[in-house]
PDB file of all heavy atoms in Angstrom:
ATOM      1  N   LYS A   1       3.332 -12.931  -6.279  1.00  0.00           N
ATOM      2  CA  LYS A   1       2.849 -12.033  -7.316  1.00  0.00           C
ATOM      3  C   LYS A   1       1.713 -11.142  -6.770  1.00  0.00           C
ATOM      4  O   LYS A   1       1.679  -9.946  -7.037  1.00  0.00           O
ATOM      5  CB  LYS A   1       2.308 -12.821  -8.530  1.00  0.00           C
ATOM      6  CG  LYS A   1       1.844 -11.973  -9.669  1.00  0.00           C
ATOM      7  CD  LYS A   1       1.435 -12.839 -10.861  1.00  0.00           C
ATOM      8  CE  LYS A   1       2.673 -13.492 -11.460  1.00  0.00           C
ATOM      9  NZ  LYS A   1       2.324 -14.210 -12.722  1.00  0.00           N
ATOM     10  N   LEU A   2       0.803 -11.710  -6.007  1.00  0.00           N
ATOM     11  CA  LEU A   2      -0.266 -10.945  -5.402  1.00  0.00           C
ATOM     12  C   LEU A   2       0.313  -9.936  -4.404  1.00  0.00           C
ATOM     13  O   LEU A   2      -0.056  -8.783  -4.386  1.00  0.00           O
ATOM     14  CB  LEU A   2      -1.255 -11.883  -4.676  1.00  0.00           C
ATOM     15  CG  LEU A   2      -2.378 -11.208  -3.885  1.00  0.00           C
ATOM     16  CD1 LEU A   2      -3.213 -10.338  -4.814  1.00  0.00           C
ATOM     17  CD2 LEU A   2      -3.207 -12.258  -3.199  1.00  0.00           C
ATOM     18  N   ALA A   3       1.295 -10.378  -3.556  1.00  0.00           N
ATOM     19  CA  ALA A   3       1.896  -9.480  -2.614  1.00  0.00           C
ATOM     20  C   ALA A   3       2.661  -8.365  -3.306  1.00  0.00           C
ATOM     21  O   ALA A   3       2.662  -7.214  -2.818  1.00  0.00           O
ATOM     22  CB  ALA A   3       2.833 -10.285  -1.685  1.00  0.00           C
ATOM     23  N   GLY A   4       3.258  -8.674  -4.444  1.00  0.00           N
ATOM     24  CA  GLY A   4       3.983  -7.689  -5.194  1.00  0.00           C
ATOM     25  C   GLY A   4       3.054  -6.580  -5.744  1.00  0.00           C
ATOM     26  O   GLY A   4       3.368  -5.409  -5.727  1.00  0.00           O
ATOM     27  N   VAL A   5       1.886  -6.999  -6.258  1.00  0.00           N
ATOM     28  CA  VAL A   5       0.904  -6.045  -6.766  1.00  0.00           C
ATOM     29  C   VAL A   5       0.408  -5.134  -5.662  1.00  0.00           C
ATOM     30  O   VAL A   5       0.307  -3.940  -5.841  1.00  0.00           O
ATOM     31  CB  VAL A   5      -0.261  -6.811  -7.440  1.00  0.00           C
ATOM     32  CG1 VAL A   5      -1.371  -5.811  -7.832  1.00  0.00           C
ATOM     33  CG2 VAL A   5       0.210  -7.537  -8.709  1.00  0.00           C
ATOM     34  N   ILE A   6       0.165  -5.743  -4.466  1.00  0.00           N
ATOM     35  CA  ILE A   6      -0.316  -4.948  -3.354  1.00  0.00           C
ATOM     36  C   ILE A   6       0.768  -3.965  -2.905  1.00  0.00           C
ATOM     37  O   ILE A   6       0.479  -2.758  -2.613  1.00  0.00           O
ATOM     38  CB  ILE A   6      -0.723  -5.858  -2.228  1.00  0.00           C
ATOM     39  CG1 ILE A   6      -1.949  -6.730  -2.605  1.00  0.00           C
ATOM     40  CG2 ILE A   6      -1.000  -5.072  -0.941  1.00  0.00           C
ATOM     41  CD1 ILE A   6      -2.305  -7.742  -1.564  1.00  0.00           C
ATOM     42  N   ALA A   7       2.009  -4.434  -2.852  1.00  0.00           N
ATOM     43  CA  ALA A   7       3.107  -3.551  -2.420  1.00  0.00           C
ATOM     44  C   ALA A   7       3.295  -2.429  -3.420  1.00  0.00           C
ATOM     45  O   ALA A   7       3.534  -1.239  -3.017  1.00  0.00           O
ATOM     46  CB  ALA A   7       4.427  -4.386  -2.310  1.00  0.00           C
ATOM     47  N   LEU A   8       3.188  -2.716  -4.695  1.00  0.00           N
ATOM     48  CA  LEU A   8       3.363  -1.656  -5.707  1.00  0.00           C
ATOM     49  C   LEU A   8       2.223  -0.638  -5.618  1.00  0.00           C
ATOM     50  O   LEU A   8       2.474   0.590  -5.692  1.00  0.00           O
ATOM     51  CB  LEU A   8       3.384  -2.271  -7.111  1.00  0.00           C
ATOM     52  CG  LEU A   8       3.534  -1.282  -8.280  1.00  0.00           C
ATOM     53  CD1 LEU A   8       4.844  -0.511  -8.166  1.00  0.00           C
ATOM     54  CD2 LEU A   8       3.456  -2.005  -9.618  1.00  0.00           C
ATOM     55  N   GLY A   9       0.990  -1.115  -5.439  1.00  0.00           N
ATOM     56  CA  GLY A   9      -0.144  -0.216  -5.259  1.00  0.00           C
ATOM     57  C   GLY A   9       0.002   0.661  -4.034  1.00  0.00           C
ATOM     58  O   GLY A   9      -0.233   1.894  -4.081  1.00  0.00           O
ATOM     59  N   ALA A  10       0.408   0.066  -2.909  1.00  0.00           N
ATOM     60  CA  ALA A  10       0.605   0.829  -1.683  1.00  0.00           C
ATOM     61  C   ALA A  10       1.711   1.815  -1.836  1.00  0.00           C
ATOM     62  O   ALA A  10       1.635   2.936  -1.319  1.00  0.00           O
ATOM     63  CB  ALA A  10       0.874  -0.119  -0.511  1.00  0.00           C
ATOM     64  N   GLY A  11       2.780   1.427  -2.530  1.00  0.00           N
ATOM     65  CA  GLY A  11       3.889   2.315  -2.745  1.00  0.00           C
ATOM     66  C   GLY A  11       3.519   3.535  -3.605  1.00  0.00           C
ATOM     67  O   GLY A  11       3.859   4.715  -3.268  1.00  0.00           O
ATOM     68  N   LEU A  12       2.768   3.280  -4.670  1.00  0.00           N
ATOM     69  CA  LEU A  12       2.354   4.395  -5.517  1.00  0.00           C
ATOM     70  C   LEU A  12       1.404   5.326  -4.782  1.00  0.00           C
ATOM     71  O   LEU A  12       1.489   6.567  -4.943  1.00  0.00           O
ATOM     72  CB  LEU A  12       1.637   3.836  -6.786  1.00  0.00           C
ATOM     73  CG  LEU A  12       2.554   3.087  -7.756  1.00  0.00           C
ATOM     74  CD1 LEU A  12       1.728   2.505  -8.905  1.00  0.00           C
ATOM     75  CD2 LEU A  12       3.637   4.014  -8.334  1.00  0.00           C
ATOM     76  N   LEU A  13       0.529   4.743  -3.920  1.00  0.00           N
ATOM     77  CA  LEU A  13      -0.348   5.614  -3.170  1.00  0.00           C
ATOM     78  C   LEU A  13       0.398   6.463  -2.186  1.00  0.00           C
ATOM     79  O   LEU A  13       0.101   7.677  -1.998  1.00  0.00           O
ATOM     80  CB  LEU A  13      -1.379   4.699  -2.409  1.00  0.00           C
ATOM     81  CG  LEU A  13      -2.376   5.448  -1.494  1.00  0.00           C
ATOM     82  CD1 LEU A  13      -3.258   6.423  -2.325  1.00  0.00           C
ATOM     83  CD2 LEU A  13      -3.300   4.446  -0.780  1.00  0.00           C
ATOM     84  N   ALA A  14       1.395   5.870  -1.535  1.00  0.00           N
ATOM     85  CA  ALA A  14       2.207   6.634  -0.569  1.00  0.00           C
ATOM     86  C   ALA A  14       2.917   7.788  -1.257  1.00  0.00           C
ATOM     87  O   ALA A  14       2.980   8.900  -0.731  1.00  0.00           O
ATOM     88  CB  ALA A  14       3.194   5.689   0.121  1.00  0.00           C
ATOM     89  N   VAL A  15       3.469   7.519  -2.449  1.00  0.00           N
ATOM     90  CA  VAL A  15       4.203   8.565  -3.162  1.00  0.00           C
ATOM     91  C   VAL A  15       3.258   9.683  -3.574  1.00  0.00           C
ATOM     92  O   VAL A  15       3.554  10.849  -3.526  1.00  0.00           O
ATOM     93  CB  VAL A  15       4.871   7.945  -4.413  1.00  0.00           C
ATOM     94  CG1 VAL A  15       5.424   9.036  -5.331  1.00  0.00           C
ATOM     95  CG2 VAL A  15       6.014   7.048  -3.976  1.00  0.00           C
ATOM     96  N   ALA A  16       2.017   9.291  -4.032  1.00  0.00           N
ATOM     97  CA  ALA A  16       1.030  10.267  -4.417  1.00  0.00           C
ATOM     98  C   ALA A  16       0.613  11.135  -3.229  1.00  0.00           C
ATOM     99  O   ALA A  16       0.438  12.370  -3.404  1.00  0.00           O
ATOM    100  CB  ALA A  16      -0.188   9.581  -5.026  1.00  0.00           C
ATOM    101  N   LEU A  17       0.464  10.553  -2.071  1.00  0.00           N
ATOM    102  CA  LEU A  17       0.063  11.345  -0.874  1.00  0.00           C
ATOM    103  C   LEU A  17       1.195  12.236  -0.394  1.00  0.00           C
ATOM    104  O   LEU A  17       0.963  13.332   0.046  1.00  0.00           O
ATOM    105  CB  LEU A  17      -0.360  10.349   0.263  1.00  0.00           C
ATOM    106  CG  LEU A  17      -1.668   9.592   0.047  1.00  0.00           C
ATOM    107  CD1 LEU A  17      -1.893   8.648   1.179  1.00  0.00           C
ATOM    108  CD2 LEU A  17      -2.837  10.582  -0.136  1.00  0.00           C
ATOM    109  N   GLN A  18       2.438  11.748  -0.531  1.00  0.00           N
ATOM    110  CA  GLN A  18       3.574  12.560  -0.125  1.00  0.00           C
ATOM    111  C   GLN A  18       3.872  13.675  -1.106  1.00  0.00           C
ATOM    112  O   GLN A  18       4.462  14.691  -0.798  1.00  0.00           O
ATOM    113  CB  GLN A  18       4.833  11.704   0.018  1.00  0.00           C
ATOM    114  CG  GLN A  18       4.798  10.691   1.164  1.00  0.00           C
ATOM    115  CD  GLN A  18       6.016   9.802   1.177  1.00  0.00           C
ATOM    116  OE1 GLN A  18       6.848   9.885   0.269  1.00  0.00           O
ATOM    117  NE2 GLN A  18       6.115   8.966   2.198  1.00  0.00           N
ATOM    118  N   GLN A  19       3.444  13.444  -2.386  1.00  0.00           N
ATOM    119  CA  GLN A  19       3.672  14.394  -3.471  1.00  0.00           C
ATOM    120  C   GLN A  19       5.191  14.626  -3.741  1.00  0.00           C
ATOM    121  O   GLN A  19       5.560  15.722  -4.075  1.00  0.00           O
ATOM    122  CB  GLN A  19       2.931  15.705  -3.212  1.00  0.00           C
ATOM    123  CG  GLN A  19       1.438  15.539  -3.106  1.00  0.00           C
ATOM    124  CD  GLN A  19       0.707  16.853  -2.802  1.00  0.00           C
ATOM    125  OE1 GLN A  19       1.325  17.857  -2.484  1.00  0.00           O
ATOM    126  NE2 GLN A  19      -0.617  16.826  -2.929  1.00  0.00           N
ATOM    127  N   ARG A  20       5.933  13.607  -3.448  1.00  0.00           N
ATOM    128  CA  ARG A  20       7.400  13.685  -3.736  1.00  0.00           C
ATOM    129  C   ARG A  20       7.902  12.263  -3.745  1.00  0.00           C
ATOM    130  O   ARG A  20       7.294  11.333  -3.255  1.00  0.00           O
ATOM    131  CB  ARG A  20       8.105  14.511  -2.664  1.00  0.00           C
ATOM    132  CG  ARG A  20       8.024  13.928  -1.264  1.00  0.00           C
ATOM    133  CD  ARG A  20       8.732  14.794  -0.242  1.00  0.00           C
ATOM    134  NE  ARG A  20       8.584  14.278   1.127  1.00  0.00           N
ATOM    135  CZ  ARG A  20       9.322  13.335   1.632  1.00  0.00           C
ATOM    136  NH1 ARG A  20      10.278  12.772   0.897  1.00  0.00           N
ATOM    137  NH2 ARG A  20       9.120  12.903   2.883  1.00  0.00           N
ATOM    138  N   PHE A  21       9.097  12.128  -4.345  1.00  0.00           N
ATOM    139  CA  PHE A  21       9.757  10.814  -4.407  1.00  0.00           C
ATOM    140  C   PHE A  21      11.267  10.999  -4.517  1.00  0.00           C
ATOM    141  O   PHE A  21      11.692  12.081  -4.918  1.00  0.00           O
ATOM    142  CB  PHE A  21       9.207   9.999  -5.593  1.00  0.00           C
ATOM    143  CG  PHE A  21       9.435  10.626  -6.926  1.00  0.00           C
ATOM    144  CD1 PHE A  21      10.634  10.327  -7.662  1.00  0.00           C
ATOM    145  CD2 PHE A  21       8.515  11.482  -7.482  1.00  0.00           C
ATOM    146  CE1 PHE A  21      10.885  10.915  -8.906  1.00  0.00           C
ATOM    147  CE2 PHE A  21       8.739  12.055  -8.735  1.00  0.00           C
ATOM    148  CZ  PHE A  21       9.902  11.772  -9.454  1.00  0.00           C
ATOM    149  N   ARG A  22      11.978   9.944  -4.185  1.00  0.00           N
ATOM    150  CA  ARG A  22      13.462  10.009  -4.273  1.00  0.00           C
ATOM    151  C   ARG A  22      13.863   9.980  -5.725  1.00  0.00           C
ATOM    152  O   ARG A  22      13.381   9.142  -6.544  1.00  0.00           O
ATOM    153  CB  ARG A  22      14.100   8.837  -3.516  1.00  0.00           C
ATOM    154  CG  ARG A  22      13.882   8.878  -2.038  1.00  0.00           C
ATOM    155  CD  ARG A  22      14.655   7.718  -1.333  1.00  0.00           C
ATOM    156  NE  ARG A  22      16.116   7.959  -1.442  1.00  0.00           N
ATOM    157  CZ  ARG A  22      16.981   7.037  -1.045  1.00  0.00           C
ATOM    158  NH1 ARG A  22      16.562   5.863  -0.570  1.00  0.00           N
ATOM    159  NH2 ARG A  22      18.289   7.287  -1.150  1.00  0.00           N
ATOM    160  N   ILE A  23      14.787  10.833  -6.070  1.00  0.00           N
ATOM    161  CA  ILE A  23      15.300  10.878  -7.482  1.00  0.00           C
ATOM    162  C   ILE A  23      16.085   9.582  -7.730  1.00  0.00           C
ATOM    163  O   ILE A  23      17.005   9.253  -6.972  1.00  0.00           O
ATOM    164  CB  ILE A  23      16.184  12.108  -7.692  1.00  0.00           C
ATOM    165  CG1 ILE A  23      15.391  13.378  -7.373  1.00  0.00           C
ATOM    166  CG2 ILE A  23      16.708  12.144  -9.126  1.00  0.00           C
ATOM    167  CD1 ILE A  23      14.187  13.568  -8.241  1.00  0.00           C
ATOM    168  N   PRO A  24      15.731   8.819  -8.785  1.00  0.00           N
ATOM    169  CA  PRO A  24      16.478   7.619  -9.108  1.00  0.00           C
ATOM    170  C   PRO A  24      17.959   7.931  -9.358  1.00  0.00           C
ATOM    171  O   PRO A  24      18.334   9.007  -9.839  1.00  0.00           O
ATOM    172  CB  PRO A  24      15.795   7.117 -10.381  1.00  0.00           C
ATOM    173  CG  PRO A  24      14.414   7.734 -10.349  1.00  0.00           C
ATOM    174  CD  PRO A  24      14.594   9.065  -9.667  1.00  0.00           C
ATOM    175  N   SER A  25      18.776   6.946  -9.044  1.00  0.00           N
ATOM    176  CA  SER A  25      20.237   7.076  -9.243  1.00  0.00           C
ATOM    177  C   SER A  25      20.608   6.688 -10.656  1.00  0.00           C
ATOM    178  O   SER A  25      19.791   6.165 -11.407  1.00  0.00           O
ATOM    179  CB  SER A  25      20.952   6.198  -8.243  1.00  0.00           C
ATOM    180  OG  SER A  25      20.766   4.834  -8.565  1.00  0.00           O
ATOM    181  N   PRO A  26      21.877   6.964 -11.067  1.00  0.00           N
ATOM    182  CA  PRO A  26      22.309   6.514 -12.398  1.00  0.00           C
ATOM    183  C   PRO A  26      22.171   5.030 -12.582  1.00  0.00           C
ATOM    184  O   PRO A  26      21.954   4.544 -13.728  1.00  0.00           O
ATOM    185  CB  PRO A  26      23.791   6.970 -12.423  1.00  0.00           C
ATOM    186  CG  PRO A  26      23.829   8.139 -11.504  1.00  0.00           C
ATOM    187  CD  PRO A  26      22.843   7.839 -10.420  1.00  0.00           C
ATOM    188  N   VAL A  27      22.285   4.246 -11.534  1.00  0.00           N
ATOM    189  CA  VAL A  27      22.109   2.795 -11.645  1.00  0.00           C
ATOM    190  C   VAL A  27      20.733   2.436 -12.130  1.00  0.00           C
ATOM    191  O   VAL A  27      20.527   1.597 -13.036  1.00  0.00           O
ATOM    192  CB  VAL A  27      22.405   2.103 -10.311  1.00  0.00           C
ATOM    193  CG1 VAL A  27      22.088   0.607 -10.437  1.00  0.00           C
ATOM    194  CG2 VAL A  27      23.880   2.294  -9.914  1.00  0.00           C
TER     195      VAL A  27
END
């Protein structure tokens, strides 16, 4: 759970810095 929170935070930060993200699929 702790690792998941860290991974989510790091992922959101990376997306914010890139200023773009992959468009989700219909799934």
